[in-house]
Amino acid sequence: MTDDGMGLSDVDLLGQDSGMVLASRFILSARSPVFQRMLNRHFRKANASTISCNLGSDALSVLVDFC
């Protein structure tokens, strides 16, 4: 995982284009029911530091900014 300079990110979202987007599990879970289920402790990827997504990194960045 890369550092965001503030220590607030705890997960990297890997886009289809191999770009990385830094994010906070807490913020994603609080703002998105999809990420809440994905980051739930019962989900296979819940403890992964990097999660592959079926979106490009530009779209992931917009999604994270929206959250």
C-alpha atoms as a PDB file:
ATOM      1  CA  MET A   1       0.000   0.000   0.000  1.00  0.00           C
ATOM      2  CA  THR A   2       1.237   3.450  -0.779  1.00  0.00           C
ATOM      3  CA  ASP A   3       1.117   6.394   1.604  1.00  0.00           C
ATOM      4  CA  ASP A   4      -1.233   9.339   1.040  1.00  0.00           C
ATOM      5  CA  GLY A   5       1.032  11.629   3.064  1.00  0.00           C
ATOM      6  CA  MET A   6      -1.538  11.951   5.841  1.00  0.00           C
ATOM      7  CA  GLY A   7      -1.789   8.339   6.976  1.00  0.00           C
ATOM      8  CA  LEU A   8      -5.534   8.198   6.326  1.00  0.00           C
ATOM      9  CA  SER A   9      -5.629   5.553   3.613  1.00  0.00           C
ATOM     10  CA  ASP A  10      -5.682   1.904   4.580  1.00  0.00           C
ATOM     11  CA  VAL A  11      -6.640   0.256   1.297  1.00  0.00           C
ATOM     12  CA  ASP A  12      -5.486   0.551  -2.306  1.00  0.00           C
ATOM     13  CA  LEU A  13      -8.052   0.125  -5.058  1.00  0.00           C
ATOM     14  CA  LEU A  14      -6.418  -1.326  -8.172  1.00  0.00           C
ATOM     15  CA  GLY A  15      -8.075  -0.288 -11.423  1.00  0.00           C
ATOM     16  CA  GLN A  16      -8.289  -2.318 -14.615  1.00  0.00           C
ATOM     17  CA  ASP A  17      -5.619  -0.048 -16.080  1.00  0.00           C
ATOM     18  CA  SER A  18      -3.246  -0.936 -13.189  1.00  0.00           C
ATOM     19  CA  GLY A  19      -3.645   2.503 -11.626  1.00  0.00           C
ATOM     20  CA  MET A  20      -3.931   2.694  -7.834  1.00  0.00           C
ATOM     21  CA  VAL A  21      -6.357   4.816  -5.852  1.00  0.00           C
ATOM     22  CA  LEU A  22      -5.832   5.289  -2.114  1.00  0.00           C
ATOM     23  CA  ALA A  23      -8.884   5.087   0.101  1.00  0.00           C
ATOM     24  CA  SER A  24     -10.136   4.694   3.649  1.00  0.00           C
ATOM     25  CA  ARG A  25     -12.096   1.528   4.479  1.00  0.00           C
ATOM     26  CA  PHE A  26     -14.099   3.413   7.101  1.00  0.00           C
ATOM     27  CA  ILE A  27     -15.168   6.205   4.739  1.00  0.00           C
ATOM     28  CA  LEU A  28     -15.963   3.815   1.874  1.00  0.00           C
ATOM     29  CA  SER A  29     -18.006   1.563   4.173  1.00  0.00           C
ATOM     30  CA  ALA A  30     -19.882   4.465   5.729  1.00  0.00           C
ATOM     31  CA  ARG A  31     -20.801   6.053   2.404  1.00  0.00           C
ATOM     32  CA  SER A  32     -21.392   3.078   0.107  1.00  0.00           C
ATOM     33  CA  PRO A  33     -23.488  -0.048   0.731  1.00  0.00           C
ATOM     34  CA  VAL A  34     -21.481  -1.836  -1.965  1.00  0.00           C
ATOM     35  CA  PHE A  35     -18.148  -1.105  -0.287  1.00  0.00           C
ATOM     36  CA  GLN A  36     -19.687  -1.850   3.105  1.00  0.00           C
ATOM     37  CA  ARG A  37     -20.483  -5.389   1.945  1.00  0.00           C
ATOM     38  CA  MET A  38     -17.147  -5.732   0.139  1.00  0.00           C
ATOM     39  CA  LEU A  39     -15.136  -4.647   3.179  1.00  0.00           C
ATOM     40  CA  ASN A  40     -17.219  -6.620   5.671  1.00  0.00           C
ATOM     41  CA  ARG A  41     -15.149  -9.101   7.665  1.00  0.00           C
ATOM     42  CA  HIS A  42     -17.066 -12.019   6.118  1.00  0.00           C
ATOM     43  CA  PHE A  43     -16.151 -11.065   2.575  1.00  0.00           C
ATOM     44  CA  ARG A  44     -13.107 -12.705   1.023  1.00  0.00           C
ATOM     45  CA  LYS A  45     -11.360  -9.382   0.296  1.00  0.00           C
ATOM     46  CA  ALA A  46     -12.141  -7.759   3.646  1.00  0.00           C
ATOM     47  CA  ASN A  47      -8.582  -7.839   4.988  1.00  0.00           C
ATOM     48  CA  ALA A  48      -6.725  -7.342   1.710  1.00  0.00           C
ATOM     49  CA  SER A  49      -4.544  -4.243   1.498  1.00  0.00           C
ATOM     50  CA  THR A  50      -5.150  -4.052  -2.267  1.00  0.00           C
ATOM     51  CA  ILE A  51      -8.516  -4.724  -3.893  1.00  0.00           C
ATOM     52  CA  SER A  52      -8.857  -5.209  -7.648  1.00  0.00           C
ATOM     53  CA  CYS A  53     -11.845  -3.429  -9.170  1.00  0.00           C
ATOM     54  CA  ASN A  54     -13.553  -3.684 -12.559  1.00  0.00           C
ATOM     55  CA  LEU A  55     -13.198   0.035 -13.226  1.00  0.00           C
ATOM     56  CA  GLY A  56     -10.393   2.193 -14.523  1.00  0.00           C
ATOM     57  CA  SER A  57      -8.398   4.193 -11.988  1.00  0.00           C
ATOM     58  CA  ASP A  58      -9.946   7.481 -13.217  1.00  0.00           C
ATOM     59  CA  ALA A  59     -13.446   6.167 -12.473  1.00  0.00           C
ATOM     60  CA  LEU A  60     -12.290   4.776  -9.100  1.00  0.00           C
ATOM     61  CA  SER A  61     -10.801   8.141  -8.217  1.00  0.00           C
ATOM     62  CA  VAL A  62     -14.106   9.886  -8.965  1.00  0.00           C
ATOM     63  CA  LEU A  63     -15.957   7.260  -6.945  1.00  0.00           C
ATOM     64  CA  VAL A  64     -13.651   7.663  -3.932  1.00  0.00           C
ATOM     65  CA  ASP A  65     -13.881  11.467  -4.155  1.00  0.00           C
ATOM     66  CA  PHE A  66     -17.677  11.182  -4.187  1.00  0.00           C
ATOM     67  CA  CYS A  67     -17.627   9.065  -1.049  1.00  0.00           C
END
